């Protein structure tokens, strides 16, 4: 199993099985630097973004927004905030 030093979690963990967003430079960067666990955390955060901002992923604007958020989430300052009106669900 391939491992990577995960930029999000800061430790050596199993990597992704395949490159996300094949053909986009960010996809290869994520493949090389993000663990499966880090990617799973992103997918949960992405669901929040899609729901709170009511993103239509068929539009180039929504796709670009998510790519920017993904870049910040993994390779930015790491200070990604929840959307302004987001309320954590109760269990």
PDB file of N, CA and C in Angstrom:
ATOM      1  N   UNK A   1       0.845  -1.180   0.000  1.00  0.00           N
ATOM      2  CA  UNK A   1       0.000   0.000   0.000  1.00  0.00           C
ATOM      3  C   UNK A   1       0.895   1.249   0.000  1.00  0.00           C
ATOM      4  N   UNK A   2       0.551   2.196  -0.822  1.00  0.00           N
ATOM      5  CA  UNK A   2       1.299   3.442  -0.960  1.00  0.00           C
ATOM      6  C   UNK A   2       0.992   4.354   0.225  1.00  0.00           C
ATOM      7  N   UNK A   3       2.019   4.975   0.788  1.00  0.00           N
ATOM      8  CA  UNK A   3       1.811   5.925   1.876  1.00  0.00           C
ATOM      9  C   UNK A   3       2.338   7.296   1.460  1.00  0.00           C
ATOM     10  N   UNK A   4       1.811   8.319   2.116  1.00  0.00           N
ATOM     11  CA  UNK A   4       2.246   9.700   1.872  1.00  0.00           C
ATOM     12  C   UNK A   4       2.377  10.405   3.209  1.00  0.00           C
ATOM     13  N   UNK A   5       3.202  11.417   3.238  1.00  0.00           N
ATOM     14  CA  UNK A   5       3.256  12.325   4.401  1.00  0.00           C
ATOM     15  C   UNK A   5       2.127  13.320   4.169  1.00  0.00           C
ATOM     16  N   UNK A   6       1.017  13.136   4.859  1.00  0.00           N
ATOM     17  CA  UNK A   6      -0.196  13.918   4.624  1.00  0.00           C
ATOM     18  C   UNK A   6      -0.013  15.367   5.076  1.00  0.00           C
ATOM     19  N   UNK A   7      -0.224  16.309   4.159  1.00  0.00           N
ATOM     20  CA  UNK A   7      -0.085  17.722   4.492  1.00  0.00           C
ATOM     21  C   UNK A   7      -1.189  18.180   5.446  1.00  0.00           C
ATOM     22  N   UNK A   8      -2.308  17.522   5.433  1.00  0.00           N
ATOM     23  CA  UNK A   8      -3.424  17.925   6.300  1.00  0.00           C
ATOM     24  C   UNK A   8      -3.260  17.380   7.717  1.00  0.00           C
ATOM     25  N   UNK A   9      -2.822  16.140   7.834  1.00  0.00           N
ATOM     26  CA  UNK A   9      -2.765  15.486   9.139  1.00  0.00           C
ATOM     27  C   UNK A   9      -1.352  15.410   9.709  1.00  0.00           C
ATOM     28  N   UNK A  10      -0.354  15.731   8.892  1.00  0.00           N
ATOM     29  CA  UNK A  10       1.010  15.831   9.376  1.00  0.00           C
ATOM     30  C   UNK A  10       1.693  14.524   9.729  1.00  0.00           C
ATOM     31  N   UNK A  11       1.227  13.418   9.164  1.00  0.00           N
ATOM     32  CA  UNK A  11       1.887  12.146   9.442  1.00  0.00           C
ATOM     33  C   UNK A  11       1.794  11.226   8.233  1.00  0.00           C
ATOM     34  N   UNK A  12       2.616  10.191   8.267  1.00  0.00           N
ATOM     35  CA  UNK A  12       2.661   9.194   7.193  1.00  0.00           C
ATOM     36  C   UNK A  12       1.422   8.302   7.308  1.00  0.00           C
ATOM     37  N   UNK A  13       0.631   8.283   6.232  1.00  0.00           N
ATOM     38  CA  UNK A  13      -0.622   7.517   6.220  1.00  0.00           C
ATOM     39  C   UNK A  13      -0.840   6.918   4.840  1.00  0.00           C
ATOM     40  N   UNK A  14      -1.743   5.933   4.724  1.00  0.00           N
ATOM     41  CA  UNK A  14      -2.065   5.397   3.399  1.00  0.00           C
ATOM     42  C   UNK A  14      -2.562   6.501   2.466  1.00  0.00           C
ATOM     43  N   UNK A  15      -2.063   6.454   1.223  1.00  0.00           N
ATOM     44  CA  UNK A  15      -2.422   7.459   0.238  1.00  0.00           C
ATOM     45  C   UNK A  15      -3.668   7.080  -0.546  1.00  0.00           C
ATOM     46  N   UNK A  16      -4.052   7.961  -1.429  1.00  0.00           N
ATOM     47  CA  UNK A  16      -5.199   7.717  -2.298  1.00  0.00           C
ATOM     48  C   UNK A  16      -4.875   6.628  -3.312  1.00  0.00           C
ATOM     49  N   UNK A  17      -5.868   5.890  -3.726  1.00  0.00           N
ATOM     50  CA  UNK A  17      -5.678   4.820  -4.707  1.00  0.00           C
ATOM     51  C   UNK A  17      -5.521   5.371  -6.120  1.00  0.00           C
ATOM     52  N   UNK A  18      -6.104   6.535  -6.380  1.00  0.00           N
ATOM     53  CA  UNK A  18      -6.017   7.125  -7.718  1.00  0.00           C
ATOM     54  C   UNK A  18      -6.023   8.641  -7.619  1.00  0.00           C
ATOM     55  N   UNK A  19      -5.613   9.272  -8.703  1.00  0.00           N
ATOM     56  CA  UNK A  19      -5.537  10.729  -8.749  1.00  0.00           C
ATOM     57  C   UNK A  19      -6.950  11.306  -8.853  1.00  0.00           C
ATOM     58  N   UNK A  20      -7.339  12.190  -7.928  1.00  0.00           N
ATOM     59  CA  UNK A  20      -8.636  12.859  -8.083  1.00  0.00           C
ATOM     60  C   UNK A  20      -8.507  13.951  -9.142  1.00  0.00           C
ATOM     61  N   UNK A  21      -9.563  14.257  -9.824  1.00  0.00           N
ATOM     62  CA  UNK A  21      -9.564  15.321 -10.835  1.00  0.00           C
ATOM     63  C   UNK A  21      -8.473  15.110 -11.871  1.00  0.00           C
ATOM     64  N   UNK A  22      -8.448  13.916 -12.438  1.00  0.00           N
ATOM     65  CA  UNK A  22      -7.452  13.573 -13.457  1.00  0.00           C
ATOM     66  C   UNK A  22      -7.364  14.685 -14.500  1.00  0.00           C
ATOM     67  N   UNK A  23      -6.151  15.107 -14.773  1.00  0.00           N
ATOM     68  CA  UNK A  23      -5.931  16.146 -15.774  1.00  0.00           C
ATOM     69  C   UNK A  23      -5.829  17.548 -15.198  1.00  0.00           C
ATOM     70  N   UNK A  24      -6.190  17.722 -13.941  1.00  0.00           N
ATOM     71  CA  UNK A  24      -6.062  19.035 -13.286  1.00  0.00           C
ATOM     72  C   UNK A  24      -4.816  18.979 -12.408  1.00  0.00           C
ATOM     73  N   UNK A  25      -3.960  20.009 -12.454  1.00  0.00           N
ATOM     74  CA  UNK A  25      -2.723  19.971 -11.659  1.00  0.00           C
ATOM     75  C   UNK A  25      -2.953  19.758 -10.160  1.00  0.00           C
ATOM     76  N   UNK A  26      -4.049  20.272  -9.634  1.00  0.00           N
ATOM     77  CA  UNK A  26      -4.332  20.097  -8.213  1.00  0.00           C
ATOM     78  C   UNK A  26      -4.567  18.625  -7.879  1.00  0.00           C
ATOM     79  N   UNK A  27      -5.141  17.873  -8.811  1.00  0.00           N
ATOM     80  CA  UNK A  27      -5.393  16.455  -8.580  1.00  0.00           C
ATOM     81  C   UNK A  27      -4.111  15.687  -8.301  1.00  0.00           C
ATOM     82  N   UNK A  28      -3.078  15.928  -9.106  1.00  0.00           N
ATOM     83  CA  UNK A  28      -1.800  15.245  -8.899  1.00  0.00           C
ATOM     84  C   UNK A  28      -1.151  15.693  -7.594  1.00  0.00           C
ATOM     85  N   UNK A  29      -1.268  16.958  -7.277  1.00  0.00           N
ATOM     86  CA  UNK A  29      -0.693  17.486  -6.033  1.00  0.00           C
ATOM     87  C   UNK A  29      -1.360  16.836  -4.817  1.00  0.00           C
ATOM     88  N   UNK A  30      -2.669  16.680  -4.888  1.00  0.00           N
ATOM     89  CA  UNK A  30      -3.402  16.022  -3.804  1.00  0.00           C
ATOM     90  C   UNK A  30      -2.975  14.559  -3.698  1.00  0.00           C
ATOM     91  N   UNK A  31      -2.885  13.885  -4.824  1.00  0.00           N
ATOM     92  CA  UNK A  31      -2.475  12.481  -4.840  1.00  0.00           C
ATOM     93  C   UNK A  31      -1.108  12.297  -4.180  1.00  0.00           C
ATOM     94  N   UNK A  32      -0.203  13.213  -4.454  1.00  0.00           N
ATOM     95  CA  UNK A  32       1.158  13.113  -3.935  1.00  0.00           C
ATOM     96  C   UNK A  32       1.286  13.496  -2.463  1.00  0.00           C
ATOM     97  N   UNK A  33       0.339  14.281  -1.935  1.00  0.00           N
ATOM     98  CA  UNK A  33       0.524  14.890  -0.609  1.00  0.00           C
ATOM     99  C   UNK A  33      -0.608  14.698   0.396  1.00  0.00           C
ATOM    100  N   UNK A  34      -1.668  14.026   0.014  1.00  0.00           N
ATOM    101  CA  UNK A  34      -2.828  13.904   0.907  1.00  0.00           C
ATOM    102  C   UNK A  34      -3.151  12.421   1.120  1.00  0.00           C
ATOM    103  N   UNK A  35      -3.388  12.067   2.366  1.00  0.00           N
ATOM    104  CA  UNK A  35      -3.750  10.684   2.696  1.00  0.00           C
ATOM    105  C   UNK A  35      -5.233  10.438   2.401  1.00  0.00           C
ATOM    106  N   UNK A  36      -5.577   9.158   2.402  1.00  0.00           N
ATOM    107  CA  UNK A  36      -6.989   8.797   2.222  1.00  0.00           C
ATOM    108  C   UNK A  36      -7.828   9.388   3.355  1.00  0.00           C
ATOM    109  N   UNK A  37      -7.290   9.355   4.566  1.00  0.00           N
ATOM    110  CA  UNK A  37      -8.013   9.916   5.717  1.00  0.00           C
ATOM    111  C   UNK A  37      -8.225  11.422   5.552  1.00  0.00           C
ATOM    112  N   UNK A  38      -7.197  12.129   5.110  1.00  0.00           N
ATOM    113  CA  UNK A  38      -7.322  13.566   4.852  1.00  0.00           C
ATOM    114  C   UNK A  38      -8.331  13.845   3.760  1.00  0.00           C
ATOM    115  N   UNK A  39      -8.329  13.017   2.722  1.00  0.00           N
ATOM    116  CA  UNK A  39      -9.279  13.173   1.610  1.00  0.00           C
ATOM    117  C   UNK A  39     -10.706  12.930   2.096  1.00  0.00           C
ATOM    118  N   UNK A  40     -10.896  11.935   2.949  1.00  0.00           N
ATOM    119  CA  UNK A  40     -12.230  11.660   3.495  1.00  0.00           C
ATOM    120  C   UNK A  40     -12.735  12.858   4.302  1.00  0.00           C
ATOM    121  N   UNK A  41     -11.841  13.490   5.062  1.00  0.00           N
ATOM    122  CA  UNK A  41     -12.233  14.685   5.818  1.00  0.00           C
ATOM    123  C   UNK A  41     -12.639  15.798   4.870  1.00  0.00           C
ATOM    124  N   UNK A  42     -11.904  15.963   3.768  1.00  0.00           N
ATOM    125  CA  UNK A  42     -12.269  16.977   2.772  1.00  0.00           C
ATOM    126  C   UNK A  42     -13.657  16.699   2.203  1.00  0.00           C
ATOM    127  N   UNK A  43     -13.958  15.443   1.884  1.00  0.00           N
ATOM    128  CA  UNK A  43     -15.258  15.113   1.290  1.00  0.00           C
ATOM    129  C   UNK A  43     -16.404  15.505   2.227  1.00  0.00           C
ATOM    130  N   UNK A  44     -16.215  15.313   3.529  1.00  0.00           N
ATOM    131  CA  UNK A  44     -17.245  15.726   4.489  1.00  0.00           C
ATOM    132  C   UNK A  44     -17.387  17.248   4.502  1.00  0.00           C
ATOM    133  N   UNK A  45     -16.265  17.948   4.480  1.00  0.00           N
ATOM    134  CA  UNK A  45     -16.298  19.415   4.446  1.00  0.00           C
ATOM    135  C   UNK A  45     -16.906  19.909   3.136  1.00  0.00           C
ATOM    136  N   UNK A  46     -16.586  19.239   2.035  1.00  0.00           N
ATOM    137  CA  UNK A  46     -17.136  19.623   0.732  1.00  0.00           C
ATOM    138  C   UNK A  46     -18.662  19.512   0.718  1.00  0.00           C
ATOM    139  N   UNK A  47     -19.208  18.501   1.384  1.00  0.00           N
ATOM    140  CA  UNK A  47     -20.670  18.351   1.473  1.00  0.00           C
ATOM    141  C   UNK A  47     -21.283  19.569   2.156  1.00  0.00           C
ATOM    142  N   UNK A  48     -20.624  20.036   3.203  1.00  0.00           N
ATOM    143  CA  UNK A  48     -21.111  21.234   3.905  1.00  0.00           C
ATOM    144  C   UNK A  48     -21.115  22.423   2.954  1.00  0.00           C
ATOM    145  N   UNK A  49     -20.007  22.609   2.233  1.00  0.00           N
ATOM    146  CA  UNK A  49     -19.923  23.727   1.284  1.00  0.00           C
ATOM    147  C   UNK A  49     -21.012  23.630   0.226  1.00  0.00           C
ATOM    148  N   UNK A  50     -21.183  22.452  -0.340  1.00  0.00           N
ATOM    149  CA  UNK A  50     -22.176  22.277  -1.405  1.00  0.00           C
ATOM    150  C   UNK A  50     -23.580  22.578  -0.898  1.00  0.00           C
ATOM    151  N   UNK A  51     -23.889  22.109   0.302  1.00  0.00           N
ATOM    152  CA  UNK A  51     -25.235  22.323   0.838  1.00  0.00           C
ATOM    153  C   UNK A  51     -25.456  23.765   1.286  1.00  0.00           C
ATOM    154  N   UNK A  52     -24.506  24.318   2.028  1.00  0.00           N
ATOM    155  CA  UNK A  52     -24.682  25.661   2.580  1.00  0.00           C
ATOM    156  C   UNK A  52     -24.687  26.736   1.491  1.00  0.00           C
ATOM    157  N   UNK A  53     -23.861  26.552   0.472  1.00  0.00           N
ATOM    158  CA  UNK A  53     -23.806  27.533  -0.611  1.00  0.00           C
ATOM    159  C   UNK A  53     -24.699  27.147  -1.792  1.00  0.00           C
ATOM    160  N   UNK A  54     -25.402  26.011  -1.656  1.00  0.00           N
ATOM    161  CA  UNK A  54     -26.304  25.525  -2.691  1.00  0.00           C
ATOM    162  C   UNK A  54     -25.618  25.516  -4.066  1.00  0.00           C
ATOM    163  N   UNK A  55     -24.477  24.857  -4.099  1.00  0.00           N
ATOM    164  CA  UNK A  55     -23.666  24.831  -5.314  1.00  0.00           C
ATOM    165  C   UNK A  55     -24.250  23.879  -6.345  1.00  0.00           C
ATOM    166  N   UNK A  56     -24.258  24.323  -7.569  1.00  0.00           N
ATOM    167  CA  UNK A  56     -24.649  23.495  -8.705  1.00  0.00           C
ATOM    168  C   UNK A  56     -23.346  23.124  -9.416  1.00  0.00           C
ATOM    169  N   UNK A  57     -22.892  21.898  -9.220  1.00  0.00           N
ATOM    170  CA  UNK A  57     -21.590  21.500  -9.742  1.00  0.00           C
ATOM    171  C   UNK A  57     -21.545  21.396 -11.260  1.00  0.00           C
ATOM    172  N   UNK A  58     -22.666  21.612 -11.904  1.00  0.00           N
ATOM    173  CA  UNK A  58     -22.683  21.640 -13.364  1.00  0.00           C
ATOM    174  C   UNK A  58     -22.164  22.979 -13.887  1.00  0.00           C
ATOM    175  N   UNK A  59     -22.049  23.978 -13.013  1.00  0.00           N
ATOM    176  CA  UNK A  59     -21.591  25.296 -13.465  1.00  0.00           C
ATOM    177  C   UNK A  59     -20.092  25.449 -13.236  1.00  0.00           C
ATOM    178  N   UNK A  60     -19.410  26.112 -14.162  1.00  0.00           N
ATOM    179  CA  UNK A  60     -17.970  26.344 -13.990  1.00  0.00           C
ATOM    180  C   UNK A  60     -17.661  27.168 -12.740  1.00  0.00           C
ATOM    181  N   UNK A  61     -18.546  28.072 -12.359  1.00  0.00           N
ATOM    182  CA  UNK A  61     -18.322  28.910 -11.176  1.00  0.00           C
ATOM    183  C   UNK A  61     -18.281  28.064  -9.904  1.00  0.00           C
ATOM    184  N   UNK A  62     -19.207  27.130  -9.779  1.00  0.00           N
ATOM    185  CA  UNK A  62     -19.238  26.257  -8.605  1.00  0.00           C
ATOM    186  C   UNK A  62     -18.011  25.350  -8.576  1.00  0.00           C
ATOM    187  N   UNK A  63     -17.626  24.840  -9.724  1.00  0.00           N
ATOM    188  CA  UNK A  63     -16.446  23.980  -9.800  1.00  0.00           C
ATOM    189  C   UNK A  63     -15.195  24.752  -9.402  1.00  0.00           C
ATOM    190  N   UNK A  64     -15.053  25.964  -9.911  1.00  0.00           N
ATOM    191  CA  UNK A  64     -13.888  26.783  -9.580  1.00  0.00           C
ATOM    192  C   UNK A  64     -13.874  27.134  -8.086  1.00  0.00           C
ATOM    193  N   UNK A  65     -15.045  27.440  -7.529  1.00  0.00           N
ATOM    194  CA  UNK A  65     -15.147  27.735  -6.102  1.00  0.00           C
ATOM    195  C   UNK A  65     -14.641  26.549  -5.277  1.00  0.00           C
ATOM    196  N   UNK A  66     -15.094  25.334  -5.619  1.00  0.00           N
ATOM    197  CA  UNK A  66     -14.669  24.152  -4.862  1.00  0.00           C
ATOM    198  C   UNK A  66     -13.176  23.892  -5.017  1.00  0.00           C
ATOM    199  N   UNK A  67     -12.642  24.113  -6.200  1.00  0.00           N
ATOM    200  CA  UNK A  67     -11.205  23.927  -6.408  1.00  0.00           C
ATOM    201  C   UNK A  67     -10.420  24.912  -5.550  1.00  0.00           C
ATOM    202  N   UNK A  68     -10.872  26.158  -5.495  1.00  0.00           N
ATOM    203  CA  UNK A  68     -10.207  27.161  -4.650  1.00  0.00           C
ATOM    204  C   UNK A  68     -10.277  26.761  -3.180  1.00  0.00           C
ATOM    205  N   UNK A  69     -11.440  26.297  -2.748  1.00  0.00           N
ATOM    206  CA  UNK A  69     -11.602  25.869  -1.362  1.00  0.00           C
ATOM    207  C   UNK A  69     -10.718  24.664  -1.049  1.00  0.00           C
ATOM    208  N   UNK A  70     -10.624  23.742  -1.997  1.00  0.00           N
ATOM    209  CA  UNK A  70      -9.803  22.550  -1.820  1.00  0.00           C
ATOM    210  C   UNK A  70      -8.330  22.936  -1.712  1.00  0.00           C
ATOM    211  N   UNK A  71      -7.891  23.836  -2.554  1.00  0.00           N
ATOM    212  CA  UNK A  71      -6.499  24.314  -2.512  1.00  0.00           C
ATOM    213  C   UNK A  71      -6.196  24.923  -1.137  1.00  0.00           C
ATOM    214  N   UNK A  72      -7.107  25.746  -0.641  1.00  0.00           N
ATOM    215  CA  UNK A  72      -6.923  26.377   0.667  1.00  0.00           C
ATOM    216  C   UNK A  72      -6.964  25.333   1.788  1.00  0.00           C
ATOM    217  N   UNK A  73      -7.884  24.392   1.683  1.00  0.00           N
ATOM    218  CA  UNK A  73      -8.057  23.357   2.712  1.00  0.00           C
ATOM    219  C   UNK A  73      -6.777  22.541   2.900  1.00  0.00           C
ATOM    220  N   UNK A  74      -6.146  22.155   1.796  1.00  0.00           N
ATOM    221  CA  UNK A  74      -4.962  21.300   1.880  1.00  0.00           C
ATOM    222  C   UNK A  74      -3.645  22.064   1.896  1.00  0.00           C
ATOM    223  N   UNK A  75      -3.548  23.137   1.136  1.00  0.00           N
ATOM    224  CA  UNK A  75      -2.247  23.759   0.931  1.00  0.00           C
ATOM    225  C   UNK A  75      -2.175  25.225   1.354  1.00  0.00           C
ATOM    226  N   UNK A  76      -3.277  25.764   1.868  1.00  0.00           N
ATOM    227  CA  UNK A  76      -3.293  27.155   2.328  1.00  0.00           C
ATOM    228  C   UNK A  76      -2.841  27.245   3.770  1.00  0.00           C
ATOM    229  N   UNK A  77      -3.318  28.257   4.430  1.00  0.00           N
ATOM    230  CA  UNK A  77      -2.950  28.495   5.825  1.00  0.00           C
ATOM    231  C   UNK A  77      -3.571  27.473   6.777  1.00  0.00           C
ATOM    232  N   UNK A  78      -4.539  26.710   6.287  1.00  0.00           N
ATOM    233  CA  UNK A  78      -5.175  25.702   7.124  1.00  0.00           C
ATOM    234  C   UNK A  78      -6.302  26.256   7.974  1.00  0.00           C
ATOM    235  N   UNK A  79      -6.620  27.517   7.772  1.00  0.00           N
ATOM    236  CA  UNK A  79      -7.676  28.164   8.552  1.00  0.00           C
ATOM    237  C   UNK A  79      -8.963  28.220   7.743  1.00  0.00           C
ATOM    238  N   UNK A  80      -9.485  27.078   7.389  1.00  0.00           N
ATOM    239  CA  UNK A  80     -10.716  27.029   6.607  1.00  0.00           C
ATOM    240  C   UNK A  80     -11.881  27.080   7.574  1.00  0.00           C
ATOM    241  N   UNK A  81     -12.743  28.049   7.368  1.00  0.00           N
ATOM    242  CA  UNK A  81     -13.888  28.218   8.250  1.00  0.00           C
ATOM    243  C   UNK A  81     -15.139  27.614   7.634  1.00  0.00           C
ATOM    244  N   UNK A  82     -16.047  27.256   8.490  1.00  0.00           N
ATOM    245  CA  UNK A  82     -17.361  26.812   8.018  1.00  0.00           C
ATOM    246  C   UNK A  82     -18.058  28.012   7.371  1.00  0.00           C
ATOM    247  N   UNK A  83     -19.021  27.764   6.484  1.00  0.00           N
ATOM    248  CA  UNK A  83     -19.788  28.882   5.915  1.00  0.00           C
ATOM    249  C   UNK A  83     -20.407  29.720   7.035  1.00  0.00           C
ATOM    250  N   UNK A  84     -20.617  31.028   6.800  1.00  0.00           N
ATOM    251  CA  UNK A  84     -21.036  31.956   7.857  1.00  0.00           C
ATOM    252  C   UNK A  84     -22.265  31.539   8.663  1.00  0.00           C
ATOM    253  N   UNK A  85     -23.285  30.985   8.030  1.00  0.00           N
ATOM    254  CA  UNK A  85     -24.513  30.636   8.744  1.00  0.00           C
ATOM    255  C   UNK A  85     -24.595  29.157   9.108  1.00  0.00           C
ATOM    256  N   UNK A  86     -23.479  28.445   9.002  1.00  0.00           N
ATOM    257  CA  UNK A  86     -23.482  27.006   9.252  1.00  0.00           C
ATOM    258  C   UNK A  86     -23.729  26.715  10.723  1.00  0.00           C
ATOM    259  N   UNK A  87     -24.648  25.787  10.973  1.00  0.00           N
ATOM    260  CA  UNK A  87     -24.943  25.318  12.333  1.00  0.00           C
ATOM    261  C   UNK A  87     -24.625  23.833  12.375  1.00  0.00           C
ATOM    262  N   UNK A  88     -23.739  23.461  13.296  1.00  0.00           N
ATOM    263  CA  UNK A  88     -23.362  22.043  13.451  1.00  0.00           C
ATOM    264  C   UNK A  88     -24.585  21.223  13.799  1.00  0.00           C
ATOM    265  N   UNK A  89     -24.829  20.115  13.080  1.00  0.00           N
ATOM    266  CA  UNK A  89     -26.001  19.291  13.392  1.00  0.00           C
ATOM    267  C   UNK A  89     -25.872  18.657  14.776  1.00  0.00           C
ATOM    268  N   UNK A  90     -26.994  18.503  15.428  1.00  0.00           N
ATOM    269  CA  UNK A  90     -26.997  17.833  16.731  1.00  0.00           C
ATOM    270  C   UNK A  90     -27.097  16.345  16.518  1.00  0.00           C
ATOM    271  N   UNK A  91     -26.531  15.596  17.427  1.00  0.00           N
ATOM    272  CA  UNK A  91     -26.513  14.133  17.274  1.00  0.00           C
ATOM    273  C   UNK A  91     -27.728  13.510  17.872  1.00  0.00           C
TER     274      UNK A  91
END
